[in-house]
Amino acid sequence: DARRVPRRTPMACQFCRGRKLKCDGGRPSCGNCNRRGYPCQYVPVYAYSSSFLRPRHADQRFHSSEQQK
């Protein structure tokens, strides 16, 4: 009884990312975009700024405590 483990797609297309859908990563068009007839666009991960990936709440707490002094 082998269980299937879903494989993680390295990068989701813009449509699936925006709708928070599971993207199959198909090229040139993923299954979701292909089914709907939408243009499928992949944006490389490095195009996002590193500040997008860093949690901001820790920095904000530090700066707000400095301003109160």
C-alpha atoms as a PDB file:
ATOM      1  CA  ASP A   1       0.000   0.000   0.000  1.00  0.00           C
ATOM      2  CA  ALA A   2       2.249   2.806  -1.265  1.00  0.00           C
ATOM      3  CA  ARG A   3       0.941   6.294  -0.545  1.00  0.00           C
ATOM      4  CA  ARG A   4       1.359   8.995  -3.132  1.00  0.00           C
ATOM      5  CA  VAL A   5       3.226  12.019  -1.868  1.00  0.00           C
ATOM      6  CA  PRO A   6       2.407  15.168  -3.843  1.00  0.00           C
ATOM      7  CA  ARG A   7       5.484  16.655  -5.488  1.00  0.00           C
ATOM      8  CA  ARG A   8       6.229  20.280  -4.800  1.00  0.00           C
ATOM      9  CA  THR A   9       6.325  22.508  -7.875  1.00  0.00           C
ATOM     10  CA  PRO A  10       9.426  24.705  -7.861  1.00  0.00           C
ATOM     11  CA  MET A  11       7.557  27.770  -9.092  1.00  0.00           C
ATOM     12  CA  ALA A  12       3.894  28.688  -9.547  1.00  0.00           C
ATOM     13  CA  CYS A  13       2.696  30.871 -12.411  1.00  0.00           C
ATOM     14  CA  GLN A  14       1.308  34.329 -11.738  1.00  0.00           C
ATOM     15  CA  PHE A  15      -2.341  33.281 -12.137  1.00  0.00           C
ATOM     16  CA  CYS A  16      -2.066  30.361  -9.690  1.00  0.00           C
ATOM     17  CA  ARG A  17      -0.046  32.468  -7.272  1.00  0.00           C
ATOM     18  CA  GLY A  18      -2.637  35.255  -7.346  1.00  0.00           C
ATOM     19  CA  ARG A  19      -5.573  32.874  -6.873  1.00  0.00           C
ATOM     20  CA  LYS A  20      -3.608  30.658  -4.417  1.00  0.00           C
ATOM     21  CA  LEU A  21      -4.188  27.589  -6.571  1.00  0.00           C
ATOM     22  CA  LYS A  22      -2.020  24.504  -6.805  1.00  0.00           C
ATOM     23  CA  CYS A  23       0.054  25.036  -9.948  1.00  0.00           C
ATOM     24  CA  ASP A  24       1.322  21.944 -11.751  1.00  0.00           C
ATOM     25  CA  GLY A  25       4.232  23.945 -13.202  1.00  0.00           C
ATOM     26  CA  GLY A  26       3.500  22.862 -16.762  1.00  0.00           C
ATOM     27  CA  ARG A  27       5.364  24.662 -19.526  1.00  0.00           C
ATOM     28  CA  PRO A  28       4.598  26.664 -21.608  1.00  0.00           C
ATOM     29  CA  SER A  29       1.168  26.699 -19.920  1.00  0.00           C
ATOM     30  CA  CYS A  30       0.132  25.071 -16.631  1.00  0.00           C
ATOM     31  CA  GLY A  31      -3.033  22.994 -16.370  1.00  0.00           C
ATOM     32  CA  ASN A  32      -5.074  25.729 -14.651  1.00  0.00           C
ATOM     33  CA  CYS A  33      -4.250  28.399 -17.249  1.00  0.00           C
ATOM     34  CA  ASN A  34      -4.614  25.936 -20.107  1.00  0.00           C
ATOM     35  CA  ARG A  35      -8.089  24.882 -18.913  1.00  0.00           C
ATOM     36  CA  ARG A  36      -9.224  28.505 -18.603  1.00  0.00           C
ATOM     37  CA  GLY A  37      -7.493  29.788 -21.739  1.00  0.00           C
ATOM     38  CA  TYR A  38      -5.407  32.353 -19.810  1.00  0.00           C
ATOM     39  CA  PRO A  39      -1.856  33.330 -20.734  1.00  0.00           C
ATOM     40  CA  CYS A  40       0.529  31.526 -18.367  1.00  0.00           C
ATOM     41  CA  GLN A  41       3.442  33.622 -17.093  1.00  0.00           C
ATOM     42  CA  TYR A  42       6.231  32.561 -14.786  1.00  0.00           C
ATOM     43  CA  VAL A  43       8.246  35.222 -12.970  1.00  0.00           C
ATOM     44  CA  PRO A  44      11.617  34.092 -11.582  1.00  0.00           C
ATOM     45  CA  VAL A  45      11.833  34.004  -7.784  1.00  0.00           C
ATOM     46  CA  TYR A  46      14.847  36.340  -7.716  1.00  0.00           C
ATOM     47  CA  ALA A  47      12.663  39.080  -9.258  1.00  0.00           C
ATOM     48  CA  TYR A  48      11.011  39.532  -5.855  1.00  0.00           C
ATOM     49  CA  SER A  49      12.919  41.753  -3.455  1.00  0.00           C
ATOM     50  CA  SER A  50      14.586  40.166  -0.449  1.00  0.00           C
ATOM     51  CA  SER A  51      12.591  42.480   1.844  1.00  0.00           C
ATOM     52  CA  PHE A  52       9.457  40.679   0.623  1.00  0.00           C
ATOM     53  CA  LEU A  53      10.745  37.451   2.147  1.00  0.00           C
ATOM     54  CA  ARG A  54      12.009  38.953   5.429  1.00  0.00           C
ATOM     55  CA  PRO A  55       9.524  39.290   8.313  1.00  0.00           C
ATOM     56  CA  ARG A  56       9.001  42.979   8.991  1.00  0.00           C
ATOM     57  CA  HIS A  57       7.361  42.792  12.405  1.00  0.00           C
ATOM     58  CA  ALA A  58      10.675  42.241  14.241  1.00  0.00           C
ATOM     59  CA  ASP A  59      12.245  45.336  12.645  1.00  0.00           C
ATOM     60  CA  GLN A  60       9.162  47.442  13.324  1.00  0.00           C
ATOM     61  CA  ARG A  61       9.122  46.518  17.013  1.00  0.00           C
ATOM     62  CA  PHE A  62      12.790  47.422  17.344  1.00  0.00           C
ATOM     63  CA  HIS A  63      12.381  50.803  15.637  1.00  0.00           C
ATOM     64  CA  SER A  64       9.216  51.711  17.538  1.00  0.00           C
ATOM     65  CA  SER A  65      10.895  51.000  20.894  1.00  0.00           C
ATOM     66  CA  GLU A  66      13.835  53.196  19.867  1.00  0.00           C
ATOM     67  CA  GLN A  67      11.497  56.076  19.005  1.00  0.00           C
ATOM     68  CA  GLN A  68       9.726  55.910  22.373  1.00  0.00           C
ATOM     69  CA  LYS A  69      12.957  56.500  24.323  1.00  0.00           C
END
